[in-house]
Amino acid sequence: MMKKLFLIALAFSLVLLASTRTWALEREDGRIKLILHEGTGRFSIYYLKSFKEKQYVSFLVDKDPRTSVVSVLIGNNIYRLGETSKFQEKVEKTVQGARFVWVSNLLQVTEDFAFITSNGSPLTDGVKITFQLKNTSEQDLTVGLRVLFDTYLGEDSYVHFKTDQVSEITHETTILKGNMVKYWISPLVGDSDNFGLQVLTNAKGITTPDRVVFANWKRLNDSSWLYETSTSRNFNLLPYSINDSAVCQYYDPLKLEKGETRSIVLLLGKYDPEGWDLSGEKTGVSLNKLLKKTASESTSEDVYISAQADLSTLNKLIEEIDNLLEKKEKLTSENVDFVDEILGSLKERINKYTK
């Protein structure tokens, strides 16, 4: 009898393990590594800070990606995507990146990630996130969206966040749409390059949130939807959560008629003082994409085709260097790393033509 009970318990454990097992879809472009964790509805995003040392820095807490979460409000019901059985989830690779798709009997939610490049960088250094909320029911719905970012870069200092208007955010803060900042930053403490996670909140091509809330992560995570801040509170929640900050962006409920779709666009990436321009839909540098095309063509058995592809990349690189010299500006570490990456890739393949 005991043996039978043990086997039943073991079988149950295996079924439970199988049902909670997750897979990950990983994409890389330029300096960005993006990972979509299927089964949890979460994503991780990393920035390649050093090509030589292959040093990646995570923009968000990555020990447990589940601490950053997207929630939708349908009528009076709140659903945390990746945690509810009401939505069926799938992950897809796309030309520009990757996407989550969640489907219920009322709503289809698509979270689309596209690699993008800031004005001051020659390589991809950010991700544009586009949410599509489509009413698939036979009735009108009111639908809202909440995005919780579990940040950490500023937690080793007194200054957890900055904006284009405020140099220090050290206590709970709410910014409403009428006074919305252009962006907020989670800065890496003591970094000489002013490295930090930058999220645009009020720019052309971006959907301005109705409110942005800076608070303790546990307080935000435990709140079902709207969280009311108090300037008398810092980022501690004693004794459970010490110096643990997070940001919540709210997009208030709007009426969606049958078949109607609501789009919400965000952008996050490495802080760039030269800013970002979404008006031209600049998604990645052409030379970076050409290099990838070259790499795939270099596997061809036709050496002539492979050499032509490499030569095309080399000519494009020379043009890029000429453009940098014409600007008569001091070369940045970004520019140098960019050229080094291309040259390094070409050097790896040179033996193919000398054998």
Protein backbone atom coordinates (compact mmCIF):
# COMPACT_ATOMS: atom_id res chain seq x y z
CA MET A 1 0.00 0.00 0.00
CA MET A 2 2.82 2.38 0.94
CA LYS A 3 4.60 1.57 -2.31
CA LYS A 4 1.45 2.33 -4.28
CA LEU A 5 1.03 5.66 -2.51
CA PHE A 6 4.65 6.48 -3.24
CA LEU A 7 4.21 5.73 -6.95
CA ILE A 8 1.06 7.88 -7.09
CA ALA A 9 2.90 10.75 -5.39
CA LEU A 10 5.83 10.36 -7.76
CA ALA A 11 3.56 10.37 -10.82
CA PHE A 12 1.78 13.48 -9.54
CA SER A 13 5.13 15.22 -9.01
CA LEU A 14 6.27 14.39 -12.53
CA VAL A 15 3.02 15.69 -14.02
CA LEU A 16 3.36 18.88 -11.99
CA LEU A 17 6.97 19.31 -13.09
CA ALA A 18 6.04 18.81 -16.73
CA SER A 19 3.23 21.35 -16.50
CA THR A 20 5.52 24.02 -15.05
CA ARG A 21 8.50 23.41 -17.32
CA THR A 22 9.45 26.43 -19.40
CA TRP A 23 11.38 27.03 -22.60
CA ALA A 24 13.20 30.16 -23.75
CA LEU A 25 13.46 31.85 -27.13
CA GLU A 26 16.70 33.82 -27.41
CA ARG A 27 17.46 36.54 -29.98
CA GLU A 28 20.52 38.76 -30.33
CA ASP A 29 21.15 41.90 -32.36
CA GLY A 30 23.99 44.38 -31.96
CA ARG A 31 24.52 44.84 -28.23
CA ILE A 32 21.14 43.46 -27.16
CA LYS A 33 20.28 39.94 -26.06
CA LEU A 34 16.55 39.27 -25.65
CA ILE A 35 15.12 36.15 -24.01
CA LEU A 36 11.41 35.26 -23.97
CA HIS A 37 10.54 32.73 -21.28
CA GLU A 38 7.71 30.61 -22.62
CA GLY A 39 5.35 29.33 -19.97
CA THR A 40 5.78 32.32 -17.68
CA GLY A 41 5.11 35.16 -20.11
CA ARG A 42 8.23 37.00 -18.97
CA PHE A 43 11.26 38.37 -20.79
CA SER A 44 14.89 39.17 -19.97
CA ILE A 45 16.94 41.82 -21.75
CA TYR A 46 20.72 42.25 -21.61
CA TYR A 47 23.19 44.83 -22.91
CA LEU A 48 26.64 43.78 -24.15
CA LYS A 49 28.78 46.30 -22.27
CA SER A 50 32.12 44.87 -23.40
CA PHE A 51 32.78 42.99 -26.63
CA LYS A 52 36.26 41.91 -25.55
CA GLU A 53 35.16 40.49 -22.21
CA LYS A 54 31.73 39.40 -23.45
CA GLN A 55 30.28 41.21 -20.45
CA TYR A 56 26.48 41.44 -20.44
CA VAL A 57 24.53 43.65 -18.04
CA SER A 58 20.86 42.92 -17.41
CA PHE A 59 18.51 45.90 -17.64
CA LEU A 60 16.05 44.23 -15.24
CA VAL A 61 16.29 41.77 -12.36
CA ASP A 62 17.12 38.44 -14.00
CA LYS A 63 17.56 36.04 -11.07
CA ASP A 64 13.82 35.49 -11.34
CA PRO A 65 12.33 37.13 -14.48
CA ARG A 66 8.83 36.59 -13.02
CA THR A 67 9.27 39.72 -10.87
CA SER A 68 8.52 41.89 -13.93
CA VAL A 69 4.97 41.30 -15.13
CA VAL A 70 2.30 42.53 -17.55
CA SER A 71 -1.32 42.71 -16.37
CA VAL A 72 -4.49 43.42 -18.32
CA LEU A 73 -7.74 44.74 -16.89
CA ILE A 74 -10.91 43.57 -18.65
CA GLY A 75 -13.96 45.15 -17.07
CA ASN A 76 -13.44 44.48 -13.36
CA ASN A 77 -11.20 41.43 -13.82
CA ILE A 78 -7.40 41.54 -13.63
CA TYR A 79 -5.20 38.97 -15.39
CA ARG A 80 -1.43 38.62 -14.91
CA LEU A 81 -0.24 37.33 -18.26
CA GLY A 82 1.72 34.11 -17.93
CA GLU A 83 -0.02 33.22 -14.66
CA THR A 84 -3.64 32.75 -15.67
CA SER A 85 -5.25 29.76 -17.35
CA LYS A 86 -7.74 32.12 -19.03
CA PHE A 87 -5.12 32.97 -21.66
CA GLN A 88 -3.32 30.47 -23.90
CA GLU A 89 0.26 31.54 -24.61
CA LYS A 90 2.69 31.04 -27.46
CA VAL A 91 6.08 32.48 -28.40
CA GLU A 92 7.12 33.37 -31.94
CA LYS A 93 10.31 34.47 -33.65
CA THR A 94 9.88 37.50 -35.93
CA VAL A 95 12.03 39.27 -38.52
CA GLN A 96 12.68 42.18 -36.16
CA GLY A 97 12.80 40.23 -32.90
CA ALA A 98 10.23 38.05 -31.17
CA ARG A 99 6.72 38.15 -29.69
CA PHE A 100 4.35 36.73 -27.13
CA VAL A 101 0.75 36.02 -28.13
CA TRP A 102 -1.94 35.39 -25.50
CA VAL A 103 -5.46 34.37 -26.51
CA SER A 104 -8.64 34.14 -24.40
CA ASN A 105 -12.32 33.99 -25.31
CA LEU A 106 -12.50 37.78 -24.89
CA LEU A 107 -9.16 39.29 -25.80
CA GLN A 108 -6.03 38.61 -27.84
CA VAL A 109 -2.88 40.26 -26.50
CA THR A 110 0.29 40.49 -28.59
CA GLU A 111 3.56 41.73 -27.06
CA ASP A 112 5.93 42.36 -29.95
CA PHE A 113 9.65 43.04 -29.41
CA ALA A 114 11.66 44.79 -32.15
CA PHE A 115 15.36 45.65 -31.93
CA ILE A 116 16.08 49.35 -32.30
CA THR A 117 19.06 51.72 -32.34
CA SER A 118 19.45 55.04 -30.50
CA ASN A 119 20.66 58.18 -32.27
CA GLY A 120 24.14 58.03 -30.76
CA SER A 121 24.88 54.33 -31.30
CA PRO A 122 26.04 52.44 -34.40
CA LEU A 123 24.64 49.18 -33.01
CA THR A 124 21.29 48.01 -31.72
CA ASP A 125 21.01 49.08 -28.07
CA GLY A 126 17.31 48.92 -27.26
CA VAL A 127 13.96 47.26 -27.83
CA LYS A 128 10.64 48.70 -28.94
CA ILE A 129 7.71 46.86 -27.35
CA THR A 130 4.32 47.05 -29.04
CA PHE A 131 1.21 45.71 -27.33
CA GLN A 132 -1.84 44.93 -29.46
CA LEU A 133 -5.05 44.42 -27.46
CA LYS A 134 -7.79 43.04 -29.72
CA ASN A 135 -11.38 42.54 -28.64
CA THR A 136 -12.25 39.07 -29.97
CA SER A 137 -15.56 38.80 -28.11
CA GLU A 138 -19.08 39.52 -29.32
CA GLN A 139 -19.49 42.54 -27.04
CA ASP A 140 -17.83 45.84 -26.17
CA LEU A 141 -15.08 45.67 -23.54
CA THR A 142 -13.15 48.14 -21.40
CA VAL A 143 -9.46 47.16 -21.42
CA GLY A 144 -6.44 48.57 -19.59
CA LEU A 145 -2.78 47.60 -19.33
CA ARG A 146 -0.23 47.68 -16.50
CA VAL A 147 3.50 46.98 -16.97
CA LEU A 148 5.63 46.36 -13.87
CA PHE A 149 9.42 46.68 -14.34
CA ASP A 150 11.53 45.20 -11.55
CA THR A 151 14.60 47.47 -11.72
CA TYR A 152 17.83 47.10 -9.76
CA LEU A 153 20.69 49.15 -11.30
CA GLY A 154 20.20 52.09 -8.92
CA GLU A 155 19.60 50.07 -5.77
CA ASP A 156 23.19 50.29 -4.54
CA SER A 157 22.87 54.04 -4.19
CA TYR A 158 20.55 56.61 -2.69
CA VAL A 159 19.35 57.59 -6.17
CA HIS A 160 17.20 54.81 -7.60
CA PHE A 161 15.81 56.77 -10.56
CA LYS A 162 16.25 59.91 -12.64
CA THR A 163 14.11 61.64 -15.25
CA ASP A 164 14.76 64.40 -17.76
CA GLN A 165 13.26 66.79 -15.17
CA VAL A 166 14.40 65.34 -11.83
CA SER A 167 17.99 64.30 -11.01
CA GLU A 168 17.03 62.19 -7.98
CA ILE A 169 14.02 60.05 -7.11
CA THR A 170 14.60 58.63 -3.64
CA HIS A 171 11.01 58.12 -2.41
CA GLU A 172 7.71 56.88 -3.77
CA THR A 173 6.58 59.07 -6.64
CA THR A 174 3.66 59.22 -9.05
CA ILE A 175 3.84 61.12 -12.35
CA LEU A 176 0.52 61.71 -14.09
CA LYS A 177 -0.02 62.06 -17.83
CA GLY A 178 -0.59 65.83 -17.63
CA ASN A 179 2.94 66.30 -16.25
CA MET A 180 4.60 63.33 -17.91
CA VAL A 181 8.39 63.33 -18.24
CA LYS A 182 10.13 62.39 -21.50
CA TYR A 183 11.84 59.40 -19.94
CA TRP A 184 12.99 57.77 -16.72
CA ILE A 185 16.34 56.14 -16.03
CA SER A 186 17.49 53.38 -13.67
CA PRO A 187 21.19 54.37 -13.44
CA LEU A 188 24.14 52.06 -12.79
CA VAL A 189 25.89 53.43 -9.73
CA GLY A 190 29.36 54.92 -10.27
CA ASP A 191 29.56 54.03 -13.97
CA SER A 192 31.89 56.37 -15.88
CA ASP A 193 29.84 55.99 -19.08
CA ASN A 194 26.58 57.00 -17.36
CA PHE A 195 25.18 53.56 -18.14
CA GLY A 196 21.56 52.99 -17.26
CA LEU A 197 18.22 51.60 -18.36
CA GLN A 198 16.21 54.30 -20.14
CA VAL A 199 12.47 53.97 -20.76
CA LEU A 200 10.75 56.56 -22.97
CA THR A 201 7.41 57.80 -21.69
CA ASN A 202 6.62 60.91 -23.75
CA ALA A 203 8.06 61.03 -27.25
CA LYS A 204 6.96 60.80 -30.86
CA GLY A 205 5.99 57.22 -31.65
CA ILE A 206 5.57 56.30 -27.96
CA THR A 207 2.26 55.81 -26.14
CA THR A 208 2.29 58.14 -23.15
CA PRO A 209 1.21 56.25 -20.01
CA ASP A 210 -1.60 57.68 -17.88
CA ARG A 211 0.66 57.38 -14.86
CA VAL A 212 4.13 56.18 -13.93
CA VAL A 213 4.63 54.95 -10.36
CA PHE A 214 7.99 54.55 -8.58
CA ALA A 215 7.72 52.47 -5.40
CA ASN A 216 8.90 49.43 -3.49
CA TRP A 217 8.66 46.32 -5.66
CA LYS A 218 6.67 44.24 -3.16
CA ARG A 219 4.13 47.01 -2.60
CA LEU A 220 3.60 47.32 -6.36
CA ASN A 221 3.55 43.59 -6.99
CA ASP A 222 1.07 42.94 -4.16
CA SER A 223 -1.31 45.65 -5.36
CA SER A 224 -3.96 44.18 -7.63
CA TRP A 225 -4.04 47.21 -9.92
CA LEU A 226 -3.75 50.86 -8.91
CA TYR A 227 -1.17 51.72 -6.26
CA GLU A 228 -1.35 55.05 -4.43
CA THR A 229 2.09 56.39 -3.51
CA SER A 230 3.13 58.43 -0.47
CA THR A 231 6.18 60.72 -0.52
CA SER A 232 6.75 59.79 3.13
CA ARG A 233 7.68 56.24 2.05
CA ASN A 234 11.02 55.25 0.55
CA PHE A 235 11.78 52.01 -1.28
CA ASN A 236 11.77 49.83 1.84
CA LEU A 237 9.00 47.60 3.13
CA LEU A 238 10.27 46.46 6.50
CA PRO A 239 11.07 43.74 7.33
CA TYR A 240 10.34 41.94 4.06
CA SER A 241 11.80 44.06 1.27
CA ILE A 242 14.83 46.32 1.74
CA ASN A 243 15.87 48.96 -0.81
CA ASP A 244 13.93 47.15 -3.55
CA SER A 245 12.55 49.55 -6.14
CA ALA A 246 10.38 49.07 -9.20
CA VAL A 247 8.38 51.05 -11.75
CA CYS A 248 4.79 50.58 -12.87
CA GLN A 249 3.39 52.13 -16.05
CA TYR A 250 -0.38 52.36 -16.29
CA TYR A 251 -2.51 52.65 -19.42
CA ASP A 252 -6.04 53.33 -18.21
CA PRO A 253 -9.02 51.26 -19.40
CA LEU A 254 -10.59 52.35 -22.68
CA LYS A 255 -13.65 51.06 -24.50
CA LEU A 256 -12.94 48.52 -27.23
CA GLU A 257 -15.73 47.69 -29.62
CA LYS A 258 -16.09 44.20 -31.07
CA GLY A 259 -13.08 43.51 -33.31
CA GLU A 260 -11.32 46.74 -32.33
CA THR A 261 -7.59 46.81 -31.48
CA ARG A 262 -5.75 49.11 -29.09
CA SER A 263 -2.01 49.65 -29.64
CA ILE A 264 0.43 50.66 -26.90
CA VAL A 265 4.11 51.32 -27.71
CA LEU A 266 7.00 51.41 -25.23
CA LEU A 267 10.75 51.73 -25.69
CA LEU A 268 13.52 50.64 -23.36
CA GLY A 269 17.27 50.55 -23.89
CA LYS A 270 20.63 51.91 -22.86
CA TYR A 271 20.56 55.57 -21.84
CA ASP A 272 21.65 57.76 -24.75
CA PRO A 273 21.93 61.54 -24.27
CA GLU A 274 21.36 61.95 -28.03
CA GLY A 275 17.94 60.35 -27.64
CA TRP A 276 15.87 58.05 -29.79
CA ASP A 277 13.93 58.68 -32.98
CA LEU A 278 11.01 56.38 -33.75
CA SER A 279 9.54 58.54 -36.48
CA GLY A 280 11.66 56.83 -39.15
CA GLU A 281 11.31 53.36 -37.61
CA LYS A 282 15.10 52.97 -37.42
CA THR A 283 15.51 49.34 -36.37
CA GLY A 284 19.14 48.32 -36.33
CA VAL A 285 22.09 49.55 -38.34
CA SER A 286 22.34 48.38 -41.93
CA LEU A 287 25.96 47.32 -41.57
CA ASN A 288 25.12 45.12 -38.62
CA LYS A 289 22.42 43.38 -40.65
CA LEU A 290 24.74 43.12 -43.66
CA LEU A 291 27.31 41.35 -41.49
CA LYS A 292 24.72 38.77 -40.45
CA LYS A 293 23.78 38.24 -44.09
CA THR A 294 27.47 37.87 -44.93
CA ALA A 295 27.95 35.26 -42.21
CA SER A 296 25.13 33.14 -43.61
CA GLU A 297 26.37 33.47 -47.18
CA SER A 298 29.91 32.56 -46.11
CA THR A 299 28.72 29.02 -45.44
CA SER A 300 28.04 28.65 -49.14
CA GLU A 301 30.13 26.12 -51.05
CA ASP A 302 30.61 28.76 -53.74
CA VAL A 303 33.76 30.57 -52.57
CA TYR A 304 33.15 33.36 -55.08
CA ILE A 305 29.73 34.19 -53.58
CA SER A 306 31.18 34.07 -50.09
CA ALA A 307 34.07 36.37 -51.01
CA GLN A 308 31.73 38.85 -52.69
CA ALA A 309 29.63 39.00 -49.53
CA ASP A 310 32.68 39.65 -47.35
CA LEU A 311 33.97 42.28 -49.77
CA SER A 312 30.61 44.03 -49.69
CA THR A 313 30.79 44.17 -45.90
CA LEU A 314 34.36 45.50 -46.01
CA ASN A 315 33.40 48.26 -48.44
CA LYS A 316 30.47 49.21 -46.25
CA LEU A 317 32.78 49.33 -43.24
CA ILE A 318 35.16 51.69 -45.04
CA GLU A 319 32.20 53.96 -45.84
CA GLU A 320 31.19 53.93 -42.18
CA ILE A 321 34.73 54.90 -41.09
CA ASP A 322 34.79 57.72 -43.66
CA ASN A 323 31.47 59.01 -42.31
CA LEU A 324 32.84 59.04 -38.78
CA LEU A 325 35.97 60.93 -39.87
CA GLU A 326 33.92 63.49 -41.82
CA LYS A 327 31.95 64.34 -38.69
CA LYS A 328 35.23 65.46 -37.09
CA GLU A 329 33.98 64.32 -33.73
CA LYS A 330 35.85 62.35 -31.09
CA LEU A 331 35.44 58.63 -31.64
CA THR A 332 33.42 57.01 -28.88
CA SER A 333 33.99 53.57 -27.40
CA GLU A 334 30.74 52.57 -29.16
CA ASN A 335 32.25 53.43 -32.57
CA VAL A 336 35.52 51.64 -31.84
CA ASP A 337 33.77 48.50 -30.56
CA PHE A 338 31.53 48.53 -33.61
CA VAL A 339 34.47 48.59 -36.05
CA ASP A 340 36.34 45.97 -33.99
CA GLU A 341 33.36 43.61 -34.09
CA ILE A 342 33.09 43.78 -37.88
CA LEU A 343 36.85 43.38 -38.42
CA GLY A 344 36.99 40.50 -35.96
CA SER A 345 34.24 38.66 -37.81
CA LEU A 346 35.96 39.17 -41.16
CA LYS A 347 39.33 38.00 -39.79
CA GLU A 348 37.73 34.78 -38.58
CA ARG A 349 36.79 33.94 -42.17
CA ILE A 350 39.95 35.05 -43.96
CA ASN A 351 41.54 31.62 -43.75
CA LYS A 352 38.77 30.30 -45.96
CA TYR A 353 40.29 32.11 -48.96
CA THR A 354 43.96 31.37 -48.24
CA LYS A 355 43.81 27.59 -47.87
